[in-house]
Every structure is written in structure tokens, then in C-alpha cells.
Amino acid sequence: MNFEILNKKLFSLTTSENSYLKYKTSPNYTEHSIINLAGKEVFAFSYKKSHQSTTPFFIRKQSRFVPVPEHFTDVIEINYVYNGQSKHKVNGKEILLN
């Protein structure tokens, strides 16, 4: 894949991103359970069920333009910022990825 094709794919708006921008909506996180983690209620995101494949990992483009609530997952997340910046909060500490 060349960079022109990659850029077109990564910078194109997804259906959900278009919806977030047009209707100022947020994703419906109620499909995920809420648990008590160290005295705080957080979402429990389960990706193992929704991304079953024959490989032990998957790559997913994070939707832009909408905040992600405090959560934990049943997978290991590795974030890569291709362009720009992204703020994250990990264990109460804010991290800026470039």
C-alpha cells in the first residue's frame, strides 16, 4: 500500500464519524457492562467477542470527534497516532500522544 492510498483510507470519515459531526451524537456505550474498579464505576469493553479472528490480534481505527469514557478492556491496547495529537488518561494520568 502506498502513502496516498493509506492517507485516503485513514483520513476519510467513517459512517459513525459523519454521524458524530452531523448530529453531535456520541456512541451508545450502554451495550457494555459497567463494573466497580477501585471504587469507581467504569465501562468494561469486550473486544474478544466482537473481533474474533484466526489471529491473536486485530487493528482497529479509533473513531474521531467523540470522547471515550473511562474503561478497561479484555485485550491489550496499543495506540499509534499517525497524524496530530491524541489525549489519553491512563490510571488517572493524562498522556498526550503525538
PDB file of N, CA and C in Angstrom:
ATOM      1  N   MET A   1       0.851  -1.180   0.000  1.00  0.00           N
ATOM      2  CA  MET A   1       0.000   0.000   0.000  1.00  0.00           C
ATOM      3  C   MET A   1       0.891   1.236   0.000  1.00  0.00           C
ATOM      4  N   ASN A   2       0.616   2.183  -0.883  1.00  0.00           N
ATOM      5  CA  ASN A   2       1.414   3.402  -0.885  1.00  0.00           C
ATOM      6  C   ASN A   2       0.789   4.438   0.048  1.00  0.00           C
ATOM      7  N   PHE A   3       1.533   5.506   0.339  1.00  0.00           N
ATOM      8  CA  PHE A   3       1.076   6.508   1.303  1.00  0.00           C
ATOM      9  C   PHE A   3      -0.173   7.252   0.836  1.00  0.00           C
ATOM     10  N   GLU A   4      -0.335   7.439  -0.447  1.00  0.00           N
ATOM     11  CA  GLU A   4      -1.533   8.118  -0.949  1.00  0.00           C
ATOM     12  C   GLU A   4      -2.794   7.311  -0.622  1.00  0.00           C
ATOM     13  N   ILE A   5      -2.734   6.014  -0.843  1.00  0.00           N
ATOM     14  CA  ILE A   5      -3.870   5.140  -0.528  1.00  0.00           C
ATOM     15  C   ILE A   5      -4.093   5.072   0.974  1.00  0.00           C
ATOM     16  N   LEU A   6      -3.007   4.947   1.741  1.00  0.00           N
ATOM     17  CA  LEU A   6      -3.105   4.899   3.199  1.00  0.00           C
ATOM     18  C   LEU A   6      -3.724   6.178   3.741  1.00  0.00           C
ATOM     19  N   ASN A   7      -3.233   7.330   3.286  1.00  0.00           N
ATOM     20  CA  ASN A   7      -3.783   8.609   3.757  1.00  0.00           C
ATOM     21  C   ASN A   7      -5.262   8.737   3.428  1.00  0.00           C
ATOM     22  N   LYS A   8      -5.644   8.333   2.225  1.00  0.00           N
ATOM     23  CA  LYS A   8      -7.051   8.416   1.833  1.00  0.00           C
ATOM     24  C   LYS A   8      -7.913   7.564   2.765  1.00  0.00           C
ATOM     25  N   LYS A   9      -7.434   6.361   3.067  1.00  0.00           N
ATOM     26  CA  LYS A   9      -8.184   5.471   3.954  1.00  0.00           C
ATOM     27  C   LYS A   9      -8.260   6.023   5.375  1.00  0.00           C
ATOM     28  N   LEU A  10      -7.151   6.492   5.909  1.00  0.00           N
ATOM     29  CA  LEU A  10      -7.122   6.956   7.301  1.00  0.00           C
ATOM     30  C   LEU A  10      -7.831   8.295   7.507  1.00  0.00           C
ATOM     31  N   PHE A  11      -7.766   9.179   6.535  1.00  0.00           N
ATOM     32  CA  PHE A  11      -8.372  10.499   6.697  1.00  0.00           C
ATOM     33  C   PHE A  11      -9.823  10.565   6.241  1.00  0.00           C
ATOM     34  N   SER A  12     -10.306   9.542   5.558  1.00  0.00           N
ATOM     35  CA  SER A  12     -11.713   9.505   5.161  1.00  0.00           C
ATOM     36  C   SER A  12     -12.586   9.354   6.404  1.00  0.00           C
ATOM     37  N   LEU A  13     -13.718  10.027   6.390  1.00  0.00           N
ATOM     38  CA  LEU A  13     -14.633   9.928   7.515  1.00  0.00           C
ATOM     39  C   LEU A  13     -15.414   8.622   7.431  1.00  0.00           C
ATOM     40  N   THR A  14     -15.527   7.948   8.553  1.00  0.00           N
ATOM     41  CA  THR A  14     -16.344   6.739   8.619  1.00  0.00           C
ATOM     42  C   THR A  14     -17.805   7.143   8.775  1.00  0.00           C
ATOM     43  N   THR A  15     -18.689   6.192   8.646  1.00  0.00           N
ATOM     44  CA  THR A  15     -20.121   6.450   8.828  1.00  0.00           C
ATOM     45  C   THR A  15     -20.391   7.007  10.220  1.00  0.00           C
ATOM     46  N   SER A  16     -19.789   6.405  11.233  1.00  0.00           N
ATOM     47  CA  SER A  16     -20.013   6.881  12.604  1.00  0.00           C
ATOM     48  C   SER A  16     -19.416   8.266  12.814  1.00  0.00           C
ATOM     49  N   GLU A  17     -18.248   8.552  12.238  1.00  0.00           N
ATOM     50  CA  GLU A  17     -17.660   9.888  12.374  1.00  0.00           C
ATOM     51  C   GLU A  17     -18.541  10.942  11.714  1.00  0.00           C
ATOM     52  N   ASN A  18     -19.094  10.628  10.555  1.00  0.00           N
ATOM     53  CA  ASN A  18     -20.031  11.547   9.905  1.00  0.00           C
ATOM     54  C   ASN A  18     -21.226  11.818  10.804  1.00  0.00           C
ATOM     55  N   SER A  19     -21.734  10.792  11.444  1.00  0.00           N
ATOM     56  CA  SER A  19     -22.874  10.936  12.344  1.00  0.00           C
ATOM     57  C   SER A  19     -22.518  11.797  13.545  1.00  0.00           C
ATOM     58  N   TYR A  20     -21.339  11.580  14.128  1.00  0.00           N
ATOM     59  CA  TYR A  20     -20.913  12.375  15.278  1.00  0.00           C
ATOM     60  C   TYR A  20     -20.851  13.853  14.904  1.00  0.00           C
ATOM     61  N   LEU A  21     -20.293  14.138  13.757  1.00  0.00           N
ATOM     62  CA  LEU A  21     -20.151  15.526  13.321  1.00  0.00           C
ATOM     63  C   LEU A  21     -21.489  16.156  12.951  1.00  0.00           C
ATOM     64  N   LYS A  22     -22.314  15.419  12.237  1.00  0.00           N
ATOM     65  CA  LYS A  22     -23.583  15.964  11.749  1.00  0.00           C
ATOM     66  C   LYS A  22     -24.608  16.139  12.865  1.00  0.00           C
ATOM     67  N   TYR A  23     -24.731  15.129  13.721  1.00  0.00           N
ATOM     68  CA  TYR A  23     -25.787  15.147  14.729  1.00  0.00           C
ATOM     69  C   TYR A  23     -25.281  15.434  16.141  1.00  0.00           C
ATOM     70  N   LYS A  24     -23.973  15.646  16.286  1.00  0.00           N
ATOM     71  CA  LYS A  24     -23.366  15.898  17.602  1.00  0.00           C
ATOM     72  C   LYS A  24     -23.742  14.801  18.599  1.00  0.00           C
ATOM     73  N   THR A  25     -23.706  13.569  18.127  1.00  0.00           N
ATOM     74  CA  THR A  25     -24.058  12.430  18.969  1.00  0.00           C
ATOM     75  C   THR A  25     -22.807  11.736  19.490  1.00  0.00           C
ATOM     76  N   SER A  26     -22.996  10.895  20.464  1.00  0.00           N
ATOM     77  CA  SER A  26     -21.925  10.060  20.999  1.00  0.00           C
ATOM     78  C   SER A  26     -22.310   8.604  20.810  1.00  0.00           C
ATOM     79  N   PRO A  27     -21.335   7.722  20.818  1.00  0.00           N
ATOM     80  CA  PRO A  27     -21.675   6.297  20.697  1.00  0.00           C
ATOM     81  C   PRO A  27     -22.548   5.848  21.862  1.00  0.00           C
ATOM     82  N   ASN A  28     -23.307   4.800  21.644  1.00  0.00           N
ATOM     83  CA  ASN A  28     -24.130   4.216  22.689  1.00  0.00           C
ATOM     84  C   ASN A  28     -23.294   3.181  23.438  1.00  0.00           C
ATOM     85  N   TYR A  29     -22.789   3.562  24.589  1.00  0.00           N
ATOM     86  CA  TYR A  29     -21.931   2.664  25.352  1.00  0.00           C
ATOM     87  C   TYR A  29     -22.731   1.733  26.257  1.00  0.00           C
ATOM     88  N   THR A  30     -24.060   1.826  26.241  1.00  0.00           N
ATOM     89  CA  THR A  30     -24.867   1.007  27.139  1.00  0.00           C
ATOM     90  C   THR A  30     -24.803  -0.482  26.807  1.00  0.00           C
ATOM     91  N   GLU A  31     -24.290  -0.828  25.624  1.00  0.00           N
ATOM     92  CA  GLU A  31     -24.131  -2.244  25.289  1.00  0.00           C
ATOM     93  C   GLU A  31     -23.015  -2.889  26.110  1.00  0.00           C
ATOM     94  N   HIS A  32     -22.181  -2.066  26.725  1.00  0.00           N
ATOM     95  CA  HIS A  32     -21.086  -2.562  27.552  1.00  0.00           C
ATOM     96  C   HIS A  32     -21.509  -2.540  29.017  1.00  0.00           C
ATOM     97  N   SER A  33     -21.006  -3.476  29.769  1.00  0.00           N
ATOM     98  CA  SER A  33     -21.334  -3.502  31.188  1.00  0.00           C
ATOM     99  C   SER A  33     -20.500  -2.467  31.942  1.00  0.00           C
ATOM    100  N   ILE A  34     -20.980  -2.134  33.111  1.00  0.00           N
ATOM    101  CA  ILE A  34     -20.273  -1.205  33.992  1.00  0.00           C
ATOM    102  C   ILE A  34     -19.854  -1.995  35.224  1.00  0.00           C
ATOM    103  N   ILE A  35     -18.602  -1.819  35.623  1.00  0.00           N
ATOM    104  CA  ILE A  35     -18.107  -2.524  36.806  1.00  0.00           C
ATOM    105  C   ILE A  35     -17.514  -1.512  37.780  1.00  0.00           C
ATOM    106  N   ASN A  36     -17.324  -1.960  39.003  1.00  0.00           N
ATOM    107  CA  ASN A  36     -16.688  -1.139  40.010  1.00  0.00           C
ATOM    108  C   ASN A  36     -15.216  -1.524  40.037  1.00  0.00           C
ATOM    109  N   LEU A  37     -14.353  -0.567  39.731  1.00  0.00           N
ATOM    110  CA  LEU A  37     -12.915  -0.802  39.699  1.00  0.00           C
ATOM    111  C   LEU A  37     -12.252   0.182  40.652  1.00  0.00           C
ATOM    112  N   ALA A  38     -11.731  -0.328  41.742  1.00  0.00           N
ATOM    113  CA  ALA A  38     -11.076   0.503  42.756  1.00  0.00           C
ATOM    114  C   ALA A  38     -12.001   1.616  43.240  1.00  0.00           C
ATOM    115  N   GLY A  39     -13.273   1.268  43.466  1.00  0.00           N
ATOM    116  CA  GLY A  39     -14.229   2.236  43.997  1.00  0.00           C
ATOM    117  C   GLY A  39     -14.804   3.198  42.970  1.00  0.00           C
ATOM    118  N   LYS A  40     -14.534   2.953  41.698  1.00  0.00           N
ATOM    119  CA  LYS A  40     -15.011   3.833  40.637  1.00  0.00           C
ATOM    120  C   LYS A  40     -15.738   3.007  39.588  1.00  0.00           C
ATOM    121  N   GLU A  41     -16.885   3.517  39.113  1.00  0.00           N
ATOM    122  CA  GLU A  41     -17.615   2.812  38.068  1.00  0.00           C
ATOM    123  C   GLU A  41     -17.027   3.146  36.707  1.00  0.00           C
ATOM    124  N   VAL A  42     -16.658   2.091  35.961  1.00  0.00           N
ATOM    125  CA  VAL A  42     -16.080   2.263  34.625  1.00  0.00           C
ATOM    126  C   VAL A  42     -16.719   1.246  33.676  1.00  0.00           C
ATOM    127  N   PHE A  43     -16.647   1.540  32.391  1.00  0.00           N
ATOM    128  CA  PHE A  43     -17.152   0.614  31.391  1.00  0.00           C
ATOM    129  C   PHE A  43     -16.183  -0.539  31.209  1.00  0.00           C
ATOM    130  N   ALA A  44     -16.739  -1.711  30.949  1.00  0.00           N
ATOM    131  CA  ALA A  44     -15.945  -2.897  30.625  1.00  0.00           C
ATOM    132  C   ALA A  44     -16.165  -3.183  29.146  1.00  0.00           C
ATOM    133  N   PHE A  45     -15.192  -2.805  28.312  1.00  0.00           N
ATOM    134  CA  PHE A  45     -15.295  -3.031  26.868  1.00  0.00           C
ATOM    135  C   PHE A  45     -14.771  -4.428  26.553  1.00  0.00           C
ATOM    136  N   SER A  46     -15.569  -5.194  25.837  1.00  0.00           N
ATOM    137  CA  SER A  46     -15.163  -6.536  25.458  1.00  0.00           C
ATOM    138  C   SER A  46     -14.954  -6.585  23.950  1.00  0.00           C
ATOM    139  N   TYR A  47     -13.718  -6.773  23.550  1.00  0.00           N
ATOM    140  CA  TYR A  47     -13.395  -6.852  22.128  1.00  0.00           C
ATOM    141  C   TYR A  47     -13.162  -8.280  21.671  1.00  0.00           C
ATOM    142  N   LYS A  48     -12.866  -9.177  22.592  1.00  0.00           N
ATOM    143  CA  LYS A  48     -12.608 -10.565  22.202  1.00  0.00           C
ATOM    144  C   LYS A  48     -13.821 -11.164  21.505  1.00  0.00           C
ATOM    145  N   LYS A  49     -15.020 -10.851  21.978  1.00  0.00           N
ATOM    146  CA  LYS A  49     -16.245 -11.398  21.385  1.00  0.00           C
ATOM    147  C   LYS A  49     -16.523 -10.788  20.026  1.00  0.00           C
ATOM    148  N   SER A  50     -16.347  -9.466  19.915  1.00  0.00           N
ATOM    149  CA  SER A  50     -16.745  -8.768  18.691  1.00  0.00           C
ATOM    150  C   SER A  50     -15.694  -8.823  17.583  1.00  0.00           C
ATOM    151  N   HIS A  51     -14.464  -9.178  17.900  1.00  0.00           N
ATOM    152  CA  HIS A  51     -13.401  -9.197  16.891  1.00  0.00           C
ATOM    153  C   HIS A  51     -12.733 -10.572  16.812  1.00  0.00           C
ATOM    154  N   GLN A  52     -13.534 -11.599  16.842  1.00  0.00           N
ATOM    155  CA  GLN A  52     -12.969 -12.942  16.765  1.00  0.00           C
ATOM    156  C   GLN A  52     -12.334 -13.149  15.399  1.00  0.00           C
ATOM    157  N   SER A  53     -11.142 -13.657  15.418  1.00  0.00           N
ATOM    158  CA  SER A  53     -10.449 -13.943  14.163  1.00  0.00           C
ATOM    159  C   SER A  53      -9.496 -15.105  14.381  1.00  0.00           C
ATOM    160  N   THR A  54      -8.808 -15.447  13.333  1.00  0.00           N
ATOM    161  CA  THR A  54      -7.865 -16.559  13.419  1.00  0.00           C
ATOM    162  C   THR A  54      -6.495 -16.103  13.913  1.00  0.00           C
ATOM    163  N   THR A  55      -6.309 -14.790  14.074  1.00  0.00           N
ATOM    164  CA  THR A  55      -5.038 -14.266  14.579  1.00  0.00           C
ATOM    165  C   THR A  55      -5.219 -13.771  16.010  1.00  0.00           C
ATOM    166  N   PRO A  56      -4.136 -13.698  16.770  1.00  0.00           N
ATOM    167  CA  PRO A  56      -4.262 -13.266  18.160  1.00  0.00           C
ATOM    168  C   PRO A  56      -4.357 -11.747  18.330  1.00  0.00           C
ATOM    169  N   PHE A  57      -4.421 -10.998  17.226  1.00  0.00           N
ATOM    170  CA  PHE A  57      -4.528  -9.539  17.338  1.00  0.00           C
ATOM    171  C   PHE A  57      -5.367  -8.992  16.190  1.00  0.00           C
ATOM    172  N   PHE A  58      -5.808  -7.741  16.362  1.00  0.00           N
ATOM    173  CA  PHE A  58      -6.527  -7.067  15.294  1.00  0.00           C
ATOM    174  C   PHE A  58      -6.177  -5.584  15.342  1.00  0.00           C
ATOM    175  N   ILE A  59      -6.358  -4.926  14.236  1.00  0.00           N
ATOM    176  CA  ILE A  59      -6.092  -3.491  14.126  1.00  0.00           C
ATOM    177  C   ILE A  59      -7.420  -2.802  13.865  1.00  0.00           C
ATOM    178  N   ARG A  60      -7.657  -1.740  14.623  1.00  0.00           N
ATOM    179  CA  ARG A  60      -8.915  -1.023  14.509  1.00  0.00           C
ATOM    180  C   ARG A  60      -8.646   0.468  14.511  1.00  0.00           C
ATOM    181  N   LYS A  61      -9.259   1.182  13.603  1.00  0.00           N
ATOM    182  CA  LYS A  61      -9.143   2.634  13.559  1.00  0.00           C
ATOM    183  C   LYS A  61     -10.097   3.220  14.591  1.00  0.00           C
ATOM    184  N   GLN A  62      -9.579   4.019  15.500  1.00  0.00           N
ATOM    185  CA  GLN A  62     -10.400   4.669  16.519  1.00  0.00           C
ATOM    186  C   GLN A  62     -11.210   5.793  15.889  1.00  0.00           C
ATOM    187  N   SER A  63     -12.497   5.844  16.203  1.00  0.00           N
ATOM    188  CA  SER A  63     -13.329   6.938  15.711  1.00  0.00           C
ATOM    189  C   SER A  63     -12.855   8.251  16.302  1.00  0.00           C
ATOM    190  N   ARG A  64     -12.904   9.273  15.475  1.00  0.00           N
ATOM    191  CA  ARG A  64     -12.521  10.616  15.919  1.00  0.00           C
ATOM    192  C   ARG A  64     -13.760  11.407  16.326  1.00  0.00           C
ATOM    193  N   PHE A  65     -13.530  12.557  16.934  1.00  0.00           N
ATOM    194  CA  PHE A  65     -14.560  13.567  17.218  1.00  0.00           C
ATOM    195  C   PHE A  65     -15.491  13.225  18.373  1.00  0.00           C
ATOM    196  N   VAL A  66     -15.186  12.233  19.153  1.00  0.00           N
ATOM    197  CA  VAL A  66     -16.050  11.863  20.263  1.00  0.00           C
ATOM    198  C   VAL A  66     -15.183  11.341  21.415  1.00  0.00           C
ATOM    199  N   PRO A  67     -15.483  11.762  22.640  1.00  0.00           N
ATOM    200  CA  PRO A  67     -14.688  11.274  23.768  1.00  0.00           C
ATOM    201  C   PRO A  67     -15.007   9.805  24.068  1.00  0.00           C
ATOM    202  N   VAL A  68     -14.017   9.117  24.591  1.00  0.00           N
ATOM    203  CA  VAL A  68     -14.191   7.727  25.011  1.00  0.00           C
ATOM    204  C   VAL A  68     -14.217   7.731  26.540  1.00  0.00           C
ATOM    205  N   PRO A  69     -15.249   7.145  27.143  1.00  0.00           N
ATOM    206  CA  PRO A  69     -15.339   7.180  28.608  1.00  0.00           C
ATOM    207  C   PRO A  69     -14.270   6.307  29.262  1.00  0.00           C
ATOM    208  N   GLU A  70     -14.076   6.528  30.538  1.00  0.00           N
ATOM    209  CA  GLU A  70     -13.118   5.719  31.288  1.00  0.00           C
ATOM    210  C   GLU A  70     -13.558   4.253  31.206  1.00  0.00           C
ATOM    211  N   HIS A  71     -12.602   3.378  30.908  1.00  0.00           N
ATOM    212  CA  HIS A  71     -12.934   1.979  30.671  1.00  0.00           C
ATOM    213  C   HIS A  71     -11.712   1.092  30.857  1.00  0.00           C
ATOM    214  N   PHE A  72     -11.967  -0.192  30.840  1.00  0.00           N
ATOM    215  CA  PHE A  72     -10.886  -1.171  30.700  1.00  0.00           C
ATOM    216  C   PHE A  72     -11.365  -2.175  29.661  1.00  0.00           C
ATOM    217  N   THR A  73     -10.412  -2.914  29.096  1.00  0.00           N
ATOM    218  CA  THR A  73     -10.760  -3.860  28.042  1.00  0.00           C
ATOM    219  C   THR A  73     -10.249  -5.257  28.388  1.00  0.00           C
ATOM    220  N   ASP A  74     -10.745  -6.224  27.636  1.00  0.00           N
ATOM    221  CA  ASP A  74     -10.278  -7.595  27.798  1.00  0.00           C
ATOM    222  C   ASP A  74      -9.162  -7.925  26.806  1.00  0.00           C
ATOM    223  N   VAL A  75      -8.585  -6.886  26.219  1.00  0.00           N
ATOM    224  CA  VAL A  75      -7.457  -7.022  25.298  1.00  0.00           C
ATOM    225  C   VAL A  75      -6.401  -5.984  25.678  1.00  0.00           C
ATOM    226  N   ILE A  76      -5.232  -6.111  25.127  1.00  0.00           N
ATOM    227  CA  ILE A  76      -4.188  -5.106  25.317  1.00  0.00           C
ATOM    228  C   ILE A  76      -4.318  -4.096  24.191  1.00  0.00           C
ATOM    229  N   GLU A  77      -4.395  -2.828  24.540  1.00  0.00           N
ATOM    230  CA  GLU A  77      -4.500  -1.776  23.538  1.00  0.00           C
ATOM    231  C   GLU A  77      -3.135  -1.128  23.328  1.00  0.00           C
ATOM    232  N   ILE A  78      -2.749  -0.998  22.088  1.00  0.00           N
ATOM    233  CA  ILE A  78      -1.540  -0.269  21.719  1.00  0.00           C
ATOM    234  C   ILE A  78      -1.987   0.843  20.788  1.00  0.00           C
ATOM    235  N   ASN A  79      -1.772   2.071  21.196  1.00  0.00           N
ATOM    236  CA  ASN A  79      -2.218   3.212  20.402  1.00  0.00           C
ATOM    237  C   ASN A  79      -1.075   3.765  19.567  1.00  0.00           C
ATOM    238  N   TYR A  80      -1.408   4.129  18.338  1.00  0.00           N
ATOM    239  CA  TYR A  80      -0.443   4.746  17.434  1.00  0.00           C
ATOM    240  C   TYR A  80      -1.124   5.953  16.819  1.00  0.00           C
ATOM    241  N   VAL A  81      -0.498   7.116  16.956  1.00  0.00           N
ATOM    242  CA  VAL A  81      -1.040   8.332  16.363  1.00  0.00           C
ATOM    243  C   VAL A  81      -0.319   8.553  15.040  1.00  0.00           C
ATOM    244  N   TYR A  82      -1.049   8.434  13.965  1.00  0.00           N
ATOM    245  CA  TYR A  82      -0.478   8.581  12.622  1.00  0.00           C
ATOM    246  C   TYR A  82      -0.253  10.043  12.274  1.00  0.00           C
ATOM    247  N   ASN A  83      -1.155  10.903  12.755  1.00  0.00           N
ATOM    248  CA  ASN A  83      -1.070  12.327  12.433  1.00  0.00           C
ATOM    249  C   ASN A  83      -1.722  13.114  13.551  1.00  0.00           C
ATOM    250  N   GLY A  84      -1.108  14.189  14.002  1.00  0.00           N
ATOM    251  CA  GLY A  84      -1.714  15.046  15.019  1.00  0.00           C
ATOM    252  C   GLY A  84      -1.428  14.584  16.429  1.00  0.00           C
ATOM    253  N   GLN A  85      -2.414  14.824  17.319  1.00  0.00           N
ATOM    254  CA  GLN A  85      -2.270  14.508  18.736  1.00  0.00           C
ATOM    255  C   GLN A  85      -3.516  13.793  19.233  1.00  0.00           C
ATOM    256  N   SER A  86      -3.351  13.082  20.335  1.00  0.00           N
ATOM    257  CA  SER A  86      -4.475  12.395  20.970  1.00  0.00           C
ATOM    258  C   SER A  86      -4.229  12.362  22.469  1.00  0.00           C
ATOM    259  N   LYS A  87      -5.201  12.903  23.234  1.00  0.00           N
ATOM    260  CA  LYS A  87      -5.087  12.890  24.696  1.00  0.00           C
ATOM    261  C   LYS A  87      -5.705  11.620  25.242  1.00  0.00           C
ATOM    262  N   HIS A  88      -5.006  11.003  26.197  1.00  0.00           N
ATOM    263  CA  HIS A  88      -5.486   9.789  26.851  1.00  0.00           C
ATOM    264  C   HIS A  88      -5.286   9.929  28.341  1.00  0.00           C
ATOM    265  N   LYS A  89      -6.097   9.240  29.105  1.00  0.00           N
ATOM    266  CA  LYS A  89      -5.925   9.202  30.549  1.00  0.00           C
ATOM    267  C   LYS A  89      -5.733   7.736  30.923  1.00  0.00           C
ATOM    268  N   VAL A  90      -4.594   7.427  31.507  1.00  0.00           N
ATOM    269  CA  VAL A  90      -4.265   6.067  31.894  1.00  0.00           C
ATOM    270  C   VAL A  90      -3.977   6.050  33.376  1.00  0.00           C
ATOM    271  N   ASN A  91      -4.770   5.290  34.120  1.00  0.00           N
ATOM    272  CA  ASN A  91      -4.611   5.215  35.573  1.00  0.00           C
ATOM    273  C   ASN A  91      -4.575   6.592  36.229  1.00  0.00           C
ATOM    274  N   GLY A  92      -5.449   7.483  35.739  1.00  0.00           N
ATOM    275  CA  GLY A  92      -5.564   8.820  36.319  1.00  0.00           C
ATOM    276  C   GLY A  92      -4.536   9.816  35.821  1.00  0.00           C
ATOM    277  N   LYS A  93      -3.613   9.398  34.989  1.00  0.00           N
ATOM    278  CA  LYS A  93      -2.567  10.287  34.471  1.00  0.00           C
ATOM    279  C   LYS A  93      -2.845  10.627  33.012  1.00  0.00           C
ATOM    280  N   GLU A  94      -2.854  11.942  32.703  1.00  0.00           N
ATOM    281  CA  GLU A  94      -3.100  12.356  31.337  1.00  0.00           C
ATOM    282  C   GLU A  94      -1.821  12.209  30.511  1.00  0.00           C
ATOM    283  N   ILE A  95      -1.985  11.623  29.317  1.00  0.00           N
ATOM    284  CA  ILE A  95      -0.858  11.390  28.418  1.00  0.00           C
ATOM    285  C   ILE A  95      -1.218  11.973  27.061  1.00  0.00           C
ATOM    286  N   LEU A  96      -0.304  12.724  26.482  1.00  0.00           N
ATOM    287  CA  LEU A  96      -0.507  13.286  25.152  1.00  0.00           C
ATOM    288  C   LEU A  96       0.344  12.500  24.156  1.00  0.00           C
ATOM    289  N   LEU A  97      -0.332  11.873  23.213  1.00  0.00           N
ATOM    290  CA  LEU A  97       0.371  11.115  22.180  1.00  0.00           C
ATOM    291  C   LEU A  97       0.462  11.988  20.937  1.00  0.00           C
ATOM    292  N   ASN A  98       1.631  11.959  20.296  1.00  0.00           N
ATOM    293  CA  ASN A  98       1.865  12.729  19.070  1.00  0.00           C
ATOM    294  C   ASN A  98       2.179  11.790  17.929  1.00  0.00           C
TER     295      ASN A  98
END
